[in-house]
PDB file of N, CA and C in Angstrom:
ATOM      1  N   MET A   1     -37.944  31.202   6.937  1.00  0.00           N
ATOM      2  CA  MET A   1     -36.774  31.227   6.084  1.00  0.00           C
ATOM      3  C   MET A   1     -36.768  29.964   5.224  1.00  0.00           C
ATOM      4  N   SER A   2     -36.628  30.139   3.937  1.00  0.00           N
ATOM      5  CA  SER A   2     -36.635  28.987   3.037  1.00  0.00           C
ATOM      6  C   SER A   2     -35.209  28.591   2.653  1.00  0.00           C
ATOM      7  N   ILE A   3     -35.051  27.330   2.372  1.00  0.00           N
ATOM      8  CA  ILE A   3     -33.755  26.819   1.939  1.00  0.00           C
ATOM      9  C   ILE A   3     -33.691  26.938   0.421  1.00  0.00           C
ATOM     10  N   PRO A   4     -32.670  27.614  -0.109  1.00  0.00           N
ATOM     11  CA  PRO A   4     -32.598  27.768  -1.566  1.00  0.00           C
ATOM     12  C   PRO A   4     -32.354  26.416  -2.243  1.00  0.00           C
ATOM     13  N   LEU A   5     -33.088  26.165  -3.312  1.00  0.00           N
ATOM     14  CA  LEU A   5     -32.916  24.944  -4.083  1.00  0.00           C
ATOM     15  C   LEU A   5     -32.026  25.240  -5.274  1.00  0.00           C
ATOM     16  N   ILE A   6     -31.064  24.385  -5.498  1.00  0.00           N
ATOM     17  CA  ILE A   6     -30.200  24.550  -6.665  1.00  0.00           C
ATOM     18  C   ILE A   6     -30.357  23.325  -7.551  1.00  0.00           C
ATOM     19  N   PRO A   7     -30.267  23.517  -8.858  1.00  0.00           N
ATOM     20  CA  PRO A   7     -30.412  22.378  -9.760  1.00  0.00           C
ATOM     21  C   PRO A   7     -29.268  21.383  -9.586  1.00  0.00           C
ATOM     22  N   CYS A   8     -29.594  20.117  -9.774  1.00  0.00           N
ATOM     23  CA  CYS A   8     -28.590  19.058  -9.699  1.00  0.00           C
ATOM     24  C   CYS A   8     -28.388  18.486 -11.106  1.00  0.00           C
ATOM     25  N   LEU A   9     -27.193  18.655 -11.625  1.00  0.00           N
ATOM     26  CA  LEU A   9     -26.849  18.123 -12.935  1.00  0.00           C
ATOM     27  C   LEU A   9     -26.014  16.871 -12.727  1.00  0.00           C
ATOM     28  N   LYS A  10     -26.356  15.811 -13.447  1.00  0.00           N
ATOM     29  CA  LYS A  10     -25.651  14.544 -13.254  1.00  0.00           C
ATOM     30  C   LYS A  10     -25.032  14.075 -14.571  1.00  0.00           C
ATOM     31  N   ILE A  11     -23.826  13.538 -14.444  1.00  0.00           N
ATOM     32  CA  ILE A  11     -23.097  12.968 -15.575  1.00  0.00           C
ATOM     33  C   ILE A  11     -22.930  11.488 -15.278  1.00  0.00           C
ATOM     34  N   LEU A  12     -23.365  10.643 -16.195  1.00  0.00           N
ATOM     35  CA  LEU A  12     -23.247   9.196 -16.033  1.00  0.00           C
ATOM     36  C   LEU A  12     -22.082   8.690 -16.866  1.00  0.00           C
ATOM     37  N   VAL A  13     -21.131   8.036 -16.205  1.00  0.00           N
ATOM     38  CA  VAL A  13     -19.970   7.461 -16.882  1.00  0.00           C
ATOM     39  C   VAL A  13     -20.185   5.954 -16.968  1.00  0.00           C
ATOM     40  N   VAL A  14     -20.107   5.412 -18.188  1.00  0.00           N
ATOM     41  CA  VAL A  14     -20.306   3.983 -18.411  1.00  0.00           C
ATOM     42  C   VAL A  14     -18.990   3.385 -18.891  1.00  0.00           C
ATOM     43  N   GLU A  15     -18.450   2.450 -18.111  1.00  0.00           N
ATOM     44  CA  GLU A  15     -17.180   1.798 -18.460  1.00  0.00           C
ATOM     45  C   GLU A  15     -17.098   0.476 -17.705  1.00  0.00           C
ATOM     46  N   ASP A  16     -16.756  -0.605 -18.408  1.00  0.00           N
ATOM     47  CA  ASP A  16     -16.703  -1.908 -17.746  1.00  0.00           C
ATOM     48  C   ASP A  16     -15.352  -2.214 -17.098  1.00  0.00           C
ATOM     49  N   ASP A  17     -14.331  -1.448 -17.401  1.00  0.00           N
ATOM     50  CA  ASP A  17     -13.026  -1.629 -16.763  1.00  0.00           C
ATOM     51  C   ASP A  17     -13.005  -0.782 -15.478  1.00  0.00           C
ATOM     52  N   PRO A  18     -12.936  -1.435 -14.300  1.00  0.00           N
ATOM     53  CA  PRO A  18     -13.029  -0.693 -13.032  1.00  0.00           C
ATOM     54  C   PRO A  18     -11.955   0.382 -12.861  1.00  0.00           C
ATOM     55  N   GLU A  19     -10.741   0.097 -13.263  1.00  0.00           N
ATOM     56  CA  GLU A  19      -9.667   1.090 -13.110  1.00  0.00           C
ATOM     57  C   GLU A  19      -9.902   2.302 -14.003  1.00  0.00           C
ATOM     58  N   LEU A  20     -10.314   2.063 -15.239  1.00  0.00           N
ATOM     59  CA  LEU A  20     -10.585   3.159 -16.169  1.00  0.00           C
ATOM     60  C   LEU A  20     -11.804   3.957 -15.720  1.00  0.00           C
ATOM     61  N   LEU A  21     -12.818   3.268 -15.217  1.00  0.00           N
ATOM     62  CA  LEU A  21     -14.013   3.948 -14.702  1.00  0.00           C
ATOM     63  C   LEU A  21     -13.626   4.897 -13.569  1.00  0.00           C
ATOM     64  N   LEU A  22     -12.813   4.427 -12.654  1.00  0.00           N
ATOM     65  CA  LEU A  22     -12.364   5.273 -11.541  1.00  0.00           C
ATOM     66  C   LEU A  22     -11.550   6.462 -12.045  1.00  0.00           C
ATOM     67  N   GLN A  23     -10.660   6.217 -12.981  1.00  0.00           N
ATOM     68  CA  GLN A  23      -9.820   7.289 -13.518  1.00  0.00           C
ATOM     69  C   GLN A  23     -10.670   8.359 -14.213  1.00  0.00           C
ATOM     70  N   ILE A  24     -11.614   7.942 -15.025  1.00  0.00           N
ATOM     71  CA  ILE A  24     -12.485   8.895 -15.732  1.00  0.00           C
ATOM     72  C   ILE A  24     -13.295   9.708 -14.722  1.00  0.00           C
ATOM     73  N   THR A  25     -13.878   9.020 -13.759  1.00  0.00           N
ATOM     74  CA  THR A  25     -14.702   9.690 -12.749  1.00  0.00           C
ATOM     75  C   THR A  25     -13.885  10.700 -11.950  1.00  0.00           C
ATOM     76  N   GLU A  26     -12.702  10.302 -11.517  1.00  0.00           N
ATOM     77  CA  GLU A  26     -11.857  11.223 -10.751  1.00  0.00           C
ATOM     78  C   GLU A  26     -11.466  12.443 -11.574  1.00  0.00           C
ATOM     79  N   ASN A  27     -11.151  12.250 -12.841  1.00  0.00           N
ATOM     80  CA  ASN A  27     -10.780  13.379 -13.696  1.00  0.00           C
ATOM     81  C   ASN A  27     -11.948  14.341 -13.891  1.00  0.00           C
ATOM     82  N   ILE A  28     -13.130  13.809 -14.098  1.00  0.00           N
ATOM     83  CA  ILE A  28     -14.308  14.668 -14.260  1.00  0.00           C
ATOM     84  C   ILE A  28     -14.572  15.436 -12.970  1.00  0.00           C
ATOM     85  N   GLU A  29     -14.470  14.757 -11.829  1.00  0.00           N
ATOM     86  CA  GLU A  29     -14.713  15.426 -10.553  1.00  0.00           C
ATOM     87  C   GLU A  29     -13.692  16.533 -10.295  1.00  0.00           C
ATOM     88  N   ARG A  30     -12.445  16.328 -10.703  1.00  0.00           N
ATOM     89  CA  ARG A  30     -11.443  17.404 -10.560  1.00  0.00           C
ATOM     90  C   ARG A  30     -11.819  18.604 -11.429  1.00  0.00           C
ATOM     91  N   CYS A  31     -12.308  18.342 -12.622  1.00  0.00           N
ATOM     92  CA  CYS A  31     -12.739  19.446 -13.501  1.00  0.00           C
ATOM     93  C   CYS A  31     -13.900  20.207 -12.869  1.00  0.00           C
ATOM     94  N   ILE A  32     -14.843  19.473 -12.308  1.00  0.00           N
ATOM     95  CA  ILE A  32     -15.999  20.100 -11.661  1.00  0.00           C
ATOM     96  C   ILE A  32     -15.523  21.016 -10.541  1.00  0.00           C
ATOM     97  N   ASP A  33     -14.598  20.521  -9.712  1.00  0.00           N
ATOM     98  CA  ASP A  33     -14.086  21.327  -8.590  1.00  0.00           C
ATOM     99  C   ASP A  33     -13.428  22.620  -9.075  1.00  0.00           C
ATOM    100  N   SER A  34     -12.776  22.567 -10.213  1.00  0.00           N
ATOM    101  CA  SER A  34     -12.069  23.756 -10.698  1.00  0.00           C
ATOM    102  C   SER A  34     -13.025  24.864 -11.146  1.00  0.00           C
ATOM    103  N   PHE A  35     -14.273  24.517 -11.465  1.00  0.00           N
ATOM    104  CA  PHE A  35     -15.242  25.538 -11.864  1.00  0.00           C
ATOM    105  C   PHE A  35     -15.780  26.317 -10.666  1.00  0.00           C
ATOM    106  N   ALA A  36     -15.749  25.711  -9.475  1.00  0.00           N
ATOM    107  CA  ALA A  36     -16.200  26.361  -8.237  1.00  0.00           C
ATOM    108  C   ALA A  36     -17.583  26.992  -8.396  1.00  0.00           C
ATOM    109  N   ARG A  37     -18.516  26.232  -8.918  1.00  0.00           N
ATOM    110  CA  ARG A  37     -19.889  26.721  -9.113  1.00  0.00           C
ATOM    111  C   ARG A  37     -20.702  26.507  -7.849  1.00  0.00           C
ATOM    112  N   GLU A  38     -21.388  27.536  -7.425  1.00  0.00           N
ATOM    113  CA  GLU A  38     -22.264  27.423  -6.273  1.00  0.00           C
ATOM    114  C   GLU A  38     -23.738  27.498  -6.663  1.00  0.00           C
ATOM    115  N   ASP A  39     -24.016  27.755  -7.938  1.00  0.00           N
ATOM    116  CA  ASP A  39     -25.393  27.887  -8.387  1.00  0.00           C
ATOM    117  C   ASP A  39     -25.987  26.577  -8.906  1.00  0.00           C
ATOM    118  N   VAL A  40     -25.160  25.549  -9.056  1.00  0.00           N
ATOM    119  CA  VAL A  40     -25.621  24.222  -9.454  1.00  0.00           C
ATOM    120  C   VAL A  40     -24.805  23.171  -8.708  1.00  0.00           C
ATOM    121  N   ALA A  41     -25.417  22.025  -8.507  1.00  0.00           N
ATOM    122  CA  ALA A  41     -24.698  20.873  -7.962  1.00  0.00           C
ATOM    123  C   ALA A  41     -24.428  19.939  -9.135  1.00  0.00           C
ATOM    124  N   ILE A  42     -23.209  19.463  -9.256  1.00  0.00           N
ATOM    125  CA  ILE A  42     -22.848  18.549 -10.332  1.00  0.00           C
ATOM    126  C   ILE A  42     -22.370  17.251  -9.698  1.00  0.00           C
ATOM    127  N   GLU A  43     -22.983  16.159 -10.124  1.00  0.00           N
ATOM    128  CA  GLU A  43     -22.684  14.849  -9.556  1.00  0.00           C
ATOM    129  C   GLU A  43     -22.295  13.887 -10.672  1.00  0.00           C
ATOM    130  N   VAL A  44     -21.328  13.024 -10.392  1.00  0.00           N
ATOM    131  CA  VAL A  44     -20.899  12.027 -11.366  1.00  0.00           C
ATOM    132  C   VAL A  44     -21.362  10.659 -10.881  1.00  0.00           C
ATOM    133  N   LEU A  45     -22.081   9.954 -11.739  1.00  0.00           N
ATOM    134  CA  LEU A  45     -22.544   8.604 -11.442  1.00  0.00           C
ATOM    135  C   LEU A  45     -21.719   7.610 -12.252  1.00  0.00           C
ATOM    136  N   GLU A  46     -21.565   6.414 -11.722  1.00  0.00           N
ATOM    137  CA  GLU A  46     -20.782   5.383 -12.407  1.00  0.00           C
ATOM    138  C   GLU A  46     -21.652   4.170 -12.697  1.00  0.00           C
ATOM    139  N   ALA A  47     -21.486   3.610 -13.894  1.00  0.00           N
ATOM    140  CA  ALA A  47     -22.133   2.349 -14.262  1.00  0.00           C
ATOM    141  C   ALA A  47     -21.082   1.472 -14.924  1.00  0.00           C
ATOM    142  N   ASN A  48     -20.977   0.224 -14.459  1.00  0.00           N
ATOM    143  CA  ASN A  48     -19.972  -0.667 -15.018  1.00  0.00           C
ATOM    144  C   ASN A  48     -20.516  -1.592 -16.107  1.00  0.00           C
ATOM    145  N   SER A  49     -21.746  -1.285 -16.563  1.00  0.00           N
ATOM    146  CA  SER A  49     -22.336  -2.055 -17.665  1.00  0.00           C
ATOM    147  C   SER A  49     -23.437  -1.226 -18.323  1.00  0.00           C
ATOM    148  N   VAL A  50     -23.743  -1.572 -19.561  1.00  0.00           N
ATOM    149  CA  VAL A  50     -24.811  -0.863 -20.278  1.00  0.00           C
ATOM    150  C   VAL A  50     -26.173  -1.108 -19.622  1.00  0.00           C
ATOM    151  N   PRO A  51     -26.506  -2.345 -19.235  1.00  0.00           N
ATOM    152  CA  PRO A  51     -27.808  -2.534 -18.565  1.00  0.00           C
ATOM    153  C   PRO A  51     -27.963  -1.683 -17.302  1.00  0.00           C
ATOM    154  N   LEU A  52     -26.893  -1.575 -16.513  1.00  0.00           N
ATOM    155  CA  LEU A  52     -26.953  -0.730 -15.318  1.00  0.00           C
ATOM    156  C   LEU A  52     -27.134   0.735 -15.705  1.00  0.00           C
ATOM    157  N   ALA A  53     -26.432   1.174 -16.743  1.00  0.00           N
ATOM    158  CA  ALA A  53     -26.580   2.559 -17.214  1.00  0.00           C
ATOM    159  C   ALA A  53     -28.018   2.827 -17.653  1.00  0.00           C
ATOM    160  N   LEU A  54     -28.619   1.877 -18.345  1.00  0.00           N
ATOM    161  CA  LEU A  54     -30.012   2.048 -18.782  1.00  0.00           C
ATOM    162  C   LEU A  54     -30.957   2.126 -17.584  1.00  0.00           C
ATOM    163  N   ASP A  55     -30.675   1.357 -16.539  1.00  0.00           N
ATOM    164  CA  ASP A  55     -31.479   1.446 -15.318  1.00  0.00           C
ATOM    165  C   ASP A  55     -31.364   2.841 -14.695  1.00  0.00           C
ATOM    166  N   TYR A  56     -30.134   3.371 -14.621  1.00  0.00           N
ATOM    167  CA  TYR A  56     -29.935   4.723 -14.101  1.00  0.00           C
ATOM    168  C   TYR A  56     -30.736   5.736 -14.921  1.00  0.00           C
ATOM    169  N   LEU A  57     -30.655   5.622 -16.238  1.00  0.00           N
ATOM    170  CA  LEU A  57     -31.342   6.582 -17.106  1.00  0.00           C
ATOM    171  C   LEU A  57     -32.858   6.506 -16.948  1.00  0.00           C
ATOM    172  N   ALA A  58     -33.372   5.301 -16.783  1.00  0.00           N
ATOM    173  CA  ALA A  58     -34.816   5.135 -16.622  1.00  0.00           C
ATOM    174  C   ALA A  58     -35.300   5.700 -15.286  1.00  0.00           C
ATOM    175  N   ALA A  59     -34.452   5.627 -14.268  1.00  0.00           N
ATOM    176  CA  ALA A  59     -34.860   6.011 -12.920  1.00  0.00           C
ATOM    177  C   ALA A  59     -34.557   7.459 -12.548  1.00  0.00           C
ATOM    178  N   ASP A  60     -33.669   8.113 -13.269  1.00  0.00           N
ATOM    179  CA  ASP A  60     -33.170   9.432 -12.838  1.00  0.00           C
ATOM    180  C   ASP A  60     -33.265  10.448 -13.968  1.00  0.00           C
ATOM    181  N   GLY A  61     -34.208  11.343 -13.855  1.00  0.00           N
ATOM    182  CA  GLY A  61     -34.403  12.370 -14.872  1.00  0.00           C
ATOM    183  C   GLY A  61     -33.414  13.529 -14.794  1.00  0.00           C
ATOM    184  N   ASP A  62     -32.553  13.530 -13.778  1.00  0.00           N
ATOM    185  CA  ASP A  62     -31.569  14.605 -13.641  1.00  0.00           C
ATOM    186  C   ASP A  62     -30.266  14.332 -14.377  1.00  0.00           C
ATOM    187  N   ILE A  63     -30.133  13.172 -15.002  1.00  0.00           N
ATOM    188  CA  ILE A  63     -28.907  12.868 -15.735  1.00  0.00           C
ATOM    189  C   ILE A  63     -28.887  13.716 -17.007  1.00  0.00           C
ATOM    190  N   GLN A  64     -27.839  14.539 -17.125  1.00  0.00           N
ATOM    191  CA  GLN A  64     -27.728  15.479 -18.227  1.00  0.00           C
ATOM    192  C   GLN A  64     -26.832  14.993 -19.347  1.00  0.00           C
ATOM    193  N   GLY A  65     -25.927  14.070 -19.026  1.00  0.00           N
ATOM    194  CA  GLY A  65     -24.980  13.598 -20.026  1.00  0.00           C
ATOM    195  C   GLY A  65     -24.505  12.196 -19.712  1.00  0.00           C
ATOM    196  N   VAL A  66     -24.150  11.469 -20.766  1.00  0.00           N
ATOM    197  CA  VAL A  66     -23.640  10.109 -20.626  1.00  0.00           C
ATOM    198  C   VAL A  66     -22.337  10.022 -21.387  1.00  0.00           C
ATOM    199  N   LEU A  67     -21.343   9.458 -20.727  1.00  0.00           N
ATOM    200  CA  LEU A  67     -20.021   9.301 -21.331  1.00  0.00           C
ATOM    201  C   LEU A  67     -19.673   7.831 -21.324  1.00  0.00           C
TER     202      LEU A  67
END
C-alpha cells in the first residue's frame, strides 16, 4: 500500500513588524482553512527581513508566492 503524495504549496510573507507579520499570517491561514482542500497542502512561511526571505527562496523550490 502506497502513501498518496500531495503537492505542497507555500506562501512566504515578508514583514519586519512582528505584530503585522503575525496578523497577516493568521489571516492567510484562516483563508486556507475555509477552502478545506484535501488535494494540496498549503503552508505559510514567515520572514522578518528581506535577506531571510531571499534565503528561504534560494532553499525552497515549493514557495509559490511572496507577499
